[in-house]
Amino acid sequence: MSDLTNARWRKSSRSAEGECVEVADDLDGVVGVRDSKDIAGPLLFFGPTQWRSFVETIKADGLS
C-alpha cells in the first residue's frame, strides 16, 4: 500500500455537499478513493490505467 501521509485528497467540483467520494491521484503508482463522510473508513485503490479508464467511461456515458 502507498504511504498516505502526504496524500492530497480532492472532491469533484460537481459533488453535492457531503455526498461524494474523494480521490488522491498524487500517490506512487495507485489512485486512492474514499468516502468523504468517513475519511478514516475503508479505502479503495486502483491502478492509474484502470482509474483513467473508469473516468473516461463516465465522461463518455455522460455521467460526469
C-alpha atoms as a PDB file:
ATOM      1  CA  MET A   1       0.000   0.000   0.000  1.00  0.00           C
ATOM      2  CA  SER A   2       1.125   3.551  -0.645  1.00  0.00           C
ATOM      3  CA  ASP A   3       2.115   5.946   2.111  1.00  0.00           C
ATOM      4  CA  LEU A   4      -0.925   8.193   2.609  1.00  0.00           C
ATOM      5  CA  THR A   5       0.766  10.678   4.951  1.00  0.00           C
ATOM      6  CA  ASN A   6       1.004  13.421   2.333  1.00  0.00           C
ATOM      7  CA  ALA A   7      -1.864  12.356   0.076  1.00  0.00           C
ATOM      8  CA  ARG A   8      -3.839  15.267  -1.355  1.00  0.00           C
ATOM      9  CA  TRP A   9      -7.497  14.266  -1.306  1.00  0.00           C
ATOM     10  CA  ARG A  10      -9.881  16.168  -3.548  1.00  0.00           C
ATOM     11  CA  LYS A  11     -13.590  16.123  -4.306  1.00  0.00           C
ATOM     12  CA  SER A  12     -15.253  16.587  -7.645  1.00  0.00           C
ATOM     13  CA  SER A  13     -16.356  20.126  -8.377  1.00  0.00           C
ATOM     14  CA  ARG A  14     -19.725  18.589  -9.292  1.00  0.00           C
ATOM     15  CA  SER A  15     -20.260  16.826  -5.978  1.00  0.00           C
ATOM     16  CA  ALA A  16     -23.161  17.713  -3.720  1.00  0.00           C
ATOM     17  CA  GLU A  17     -22.419  18.805  -0.168  1.00  0.00           C
ATOM     18  CA  GLY A  18     -21.439  15.698   1.818  1.00  0.00           C
ATOM     19  CA  GLU A  19     -22.431  13.274  -0.947  1.00  0.00           C
ATOM     20  CA  CYS A  20     -19.223  12.341  -2.687  1.00  0.00           C
ATOM     21  CA  VAL A  21     -16.024  10.429  -2.783  1.00  0.00           C
ATOM     22  CA  GLU A  22     -12.555  11.873  -2.542  1.00  0.00           C
ATOM     23  CA  VAL A  23      -9.670  10.902  -4.793  1.00  0.00           C
ATOM     24  CA  ALA A  24      -5.937  11.057  -4.180  1.00  0.00           C
ATOM     25  CA  ASP A  25      -4.171  10.766  -7.527  1.00  0.00           C
ATOM     26  CA  ASP A  26      -0.794  12.004  -6.339  1.00  0.00           C
ATOM     27  CA  LEU A  27       0.241   8.654  -4.835  1.00  0.00           C
ATOM     28  CA  ASP A  28       3.046   6.453  -6.099  1.00  0.00           C
ATOM     29  CA  GLY A  29       1.561   4.016  -8.619  1.00  0.00           C
ATOM     30  CA  VAL A  30      -2.032   3.989  -7.314  1.00  0.00           C
ATOM     31  CA  VAL A  31      -5.125   6.170  -7.091  1.00  0.00           C
ATOM     32  CA  GLY A  32      -6.866   6.181  -3.719  1.00  0.00           C
ATOM     33  CA  VAL A  33     -10.615   6.605  -3.303  1.00  0.00           C
ATOM     34  CA  ARG A  34     -12.503   7.156  -0.043  1.00  0.00           C
ATOM     35  CA  ASP A  35     -15.922   8.231   1.234  1.00  0.00           C
ATOM     36  CA  SER A  36     -15.825  11.916   2.139  1.00  0.00           C
ATOM     37  CA  LYS A  37     -18.206  11.290   5.051  1.00  0.00           C
ATOM     38  CA  ASP A  38     -15.928   8.625   6.561  1.00  0.00           C
ATOM     39  CA  ILE A  39     -12.333   9.633   5.852  1.00  0.00           C
ATOM     40  CA  ALA A  40     -10.995   7.158   8.411  1.00  0.00           C
ATOM     41  CA  GLY A  41     -13.013   4.336   6.837  1.00  0.00           C
ATOM     42  CA  PRO A  42     -12.061   1.855   4.146  1.00  0.00           C
ATOM     43  CA  LEU A  43     -10.102   2.888   1.083  1.00  0.00           C
ATOM     44  CA  LEU A  44     -10.147   1.603  -2.456  1.00  0.00           C
ATOM     45  CA  PHE A  45      -7.025   1.598  -4.607  1.00  0.00           C
ATOM     46  CA  PHE A  46      -6.856   1.471  -8.382  1.00  0.00           C
ATOM     47  CA  GLY A  47      -4.002   1.399 -10.805  1.00  0.00           C
ATOM     48  CA  PRO A  48      -3.612   4.633 -12.797  1.00  0.00           C
ATOM     49  CA  THR A  49      -4.630   2.920 -16.045  1.00  0.00           C
ATOM     50  CA  GLN A  50      -7.785   1.441 -14.502  1.00  0.00           C
ATOM     51  CA  TRP A  51      -8.718   4.778 -12.908  1.00  0.00           C
ATOM     52  CA  ARG A  52      -8.212   6.657 -16.184  1.00  0.00           C
ATOM     53  CA  SER A  53     -10.396   4.105 -17.984  1.00  0.00           C
ATOM     54  CA  PHE A  54     -13.119   4.488 -15.339  1.00  0.00           C
ATOM     55  CA  VAL A  55     -13.106   8.302 -15.604  1.00  0.00           C
ATOM     56  CA  GLU A  56     -13.101   8.214 -19.418  1.00  0.00           C
ATOM     57  CA  THR A  57     -16.051   5.784 -19.418  1.00  0.00           C
ATOM     58  CA  ILE A  58     -18.022   8.013 -17.046  1.00  0.00           C
ATOM     59  CA  LYS A  59     -17.373  11.035 -19.253  1.00  0.00           C
ATOM     60  CA  ALA A  60     -18.223   9.163 -22.470  1.00  0.00           C
ATOM     61  CA  ASP A  61     -21.518   7.955 -20.998  1.00  0.00           C
ATOM     62  CA  GLY A  62     -22.450  11.492 -19.945  1.00  0.00           C
ATOM     63  CA  LEU A  63     -22.462  10.631 -16.254  1.00  0.00           C
ATOM     64  CA  SER A  64     -19.945  13.246 -15.161  1.00  0.00           C
END
